[in-house]
N, C-alpha and C. Protein backbone atom coordinates (compact mmCIF):
# COMPACT_ATOMS: atom_id res chain seq x y z
N MET A 1 0.85 -1.18 0.00
CA MET A 1 0.00 0.00 0.00
C MET A 1 0.89 1.23 0.00
N SER A 2 0.63 2.13 -0.93
CA SER A 2 1.40 3.36 -1.02
C SER A 2 0.71 4.48 -0.24
N ILE A 3 1.43 5.57 -0.04
CA ILE A 3 0.86 6.73 0.66
C ILE A 3 -0.35 7.27 -0.11
N GLY A 4 -0.26 7.31 -1.43
CA GLY A 4 -1.37 7.80 -2.25
C GLY A 4 -2.62 6.97 -2.07
N GLU A 5 -2.45 5.65 -2.04
CA GLU A 5 -3.60 4.77 -1.82
C GLU A 5 -4.19 4.97 -0.43
N PHE A 6 -3.31 5.15 0.55
CA PHE A 6 -3.78 5.38 1.92
C PHE A 6 -4.59 6.66 2.00
N LEU A 7 -4.07 7.75 1.41
CA LEU A 7 -4.77 9.03 1.46
C LEU A 7 -6.06 9.01 0.66
N ALA A 8 -6.12 8.21 -0.39
CA ALA A 8 -7.33 8.11 -1.21
C ALA A 8 -8.40 7.31 -0.50
N MET A 9 -8.03 6.42 0.41
CA MET A 9 -8.97 5.62 1.21
C MET A 9 -9.99 4.91 0.33
N GLY A 10 -9.52 4.33 -0.75
CA GLY A 10 -10.41 3.56 -1.63
C GLY A 10 -11.47 4.41 -2.30
N GLY A 11 -11.16 5.67 -2.55
CA GLY A 11 -12.12 6.56 -3.21
C GLY A 11 -12.92 7.42 -2.25
N TYR A 12 -12.80 7.15 -0.96
CA TYR A 12 -13.56 7.90 0.03
C TYR A 12 -12.68 8.89 0.80
N GLY A 13 -11.48 9.14 0.32
CA GLY A 13 -10.52 9.99 1.01
C GLY A 13 -11.03 11.40 1.26
N ALA A 14 -11.68 12.00 0.29
CA ALA A 14 -12.18 13.36 0.47
C ALA A 14 -13.18 13.43 1.63
N TYR A 15 -14.06 12.46 1.71
CA TYR A 15 -15.04 12.43 2.80
C TYR A 15 -14.36 12.17 4.14
N VAL A 16 -13.46 11.18 4.17
CA VAL A 16 -12.81 10.80 5.42
C VAL A 16 -11.96 11.94 5.96
N TRP A 17 -11.12 12.52 5.11
CA TRP A 17 -10.21 13.57 5.59
C TRP A 17 -10.95 14.86 5.93
N SER A 18 -12.03 15.16 5.21
CA SER A 18 -12.81 16.35 5.57
C SER A 18 -13.54 16.12 6.90
N ALA A 19 -13.96 14.89 7.16
CA ALA A 19 -14.61 14.58 8.44
C ALA A 19 -13.60 14.72 9.59
N TYR A 20 -12.38 14.22 9.38
CA TYR A 20 -11.34 14.39 10.40
C TYR A 20 -11.03 15.87 10.62
N GLY A 21 -10.95 16.64 9.56
CA GLY A 21 -10.68 18.07 9.68
C GLY A 21 -11.78 18.79 10.44
N LEU A 22 -13.02 18.47 10.13
CA LEU A 22 -14.15 19.08 10.83
C LEU A 22 -14.15 18.70 12.31
N MET A 23 -13.82 17.45 12.60
CA MET A 23 -13.76 16.99 13.99
C MET A 23 -12.69 17.77 14.76
N VAL A 24 -11.53 17.97 14.17
CA VAL A 24 -10.46 18.71 14.83
C VAL A 24 -10.88 20.16 15.06
N ALA A 25 -11.55 20.76 14.08
CA ALA A 25 -12.01 22.14 14.22
C ALA A 25 -13.03 22.27 15.35
N VAL A 26 -13.95 21.34 15.45
CA VAL A 26 -14.96 21.38 16.51
C VAL A 26 -14.32 21.18 17.88
N LEU A 27 -13.37 20.25 17.98
CA LEU A 27 -12.69 20.03 19.24
C LEU A 27 -11.88 21.27 19.65
N ALA A 28 -11.24 21.91 18.70
CA ALA A 28 -10.49 23.13 19.00
C ALA A 28 -11.44 24.23 19.47
N TRP A 29 -12.60 24.35 18.84
CA TRP A 29 -13.59 25.35 19.25
C TRP A 29 -14.09 25.04 20.66
N ASN A 30 -14.29 23.77 20.97
CA ASN A 30 -14.77 23.38 22.30
C ASN A 30 -13.76 23.66 23.40
N VAL A 31 -12.51 23.81 23.06
CA VAL A 31 -11.48 24.19 24.02
C VAL A 31 -11.33 25.70 24.06
N ALA A 32 -11.29 26.33 22.90
CA ALA A 32 -11.00 27.77 22.81
C ALA A 32 -12.14 28.65 23.31
N ALA A 33 -13.37 28.31 23.01
CA ALA A 33 -14.49 29.16 23.39
C ALA A 33 -14.63 29.33 24.91
N PRO A 34 -14.62 28.26 25.69
CA PRO A 34 -14.71 28.44 27.15
C PRO A 34 -13.50 29.18 27.73
N LEU A 35 -12.31 28.94 27.17
CA LEU A 35 -11.13 29.66 27.65
C LEU A 35 -11.25 31.16 27.39
N ALA A 36 -11.75 31.52 26.23
CA ALA A 36 -11.95 32.93 25.90
C ALA A 36 -12.98 33.56 26.84
N CYS A 37 -14.04 32.84 27.12
CA CYS A 37 -15.08 33.34 28.03
C CYS A 37 -14.51 33.52 29.44
N LEU A 38 -13.71 32.57 29.88
CA LEU A 38 -13.09 32.66 31.20
C LEU A 38 -12.16 33.86 31.29
N ARG A 39 -11.35 34.07 30.28
CA ARG A 39 -10.44 35.23 30.27
C ARG A 39 -11.22 36.53 30.29
N ARG A 40 -12.31 36.59 29.52
CA ARG A 40 -13.14 37.80 29.48
C ARG A 40 -13.75 38.10 30.85
N ARG A 41 -14.23 37.05 31.51
CA ARG A 41 -14.85 37.25 32.84
C ARG A 41 -13.82 37.67 33.88
N ARG A 42 -12.61 37.12 33.78
CA ARG A 42 -11.57 37.50 34.73
C ARG A 42 -11.15 38.96 34.53
N ARG A 43 -11.17 39.44 33.28
CA ARG A 43 -10.83 40.84 33.02
C ARG A 43 -11.90 41.79 33.55
N GLU A 44 -13.16 41.34 33.55
CA GLU A 44 -14.26 42.20 33.99
C GLU A 44 -14.29 42.39 35.50
N ARG A 45 -13.64 41.54 36.25
CA ARG A 45 -13.67 41.66 37.73
C ARG A 45 -12.86 42.81 38.21
């Protein structure tokens, strides 16, 4: 199996890799948003 075949995922590579990318973006948002809110509240005190 070559790298190209692995990335293509049998023709479903675009779906698989976009799903992974979306998952990483959502997880990053779930970490960043509460931290930003916490920093904002600490500044308001």
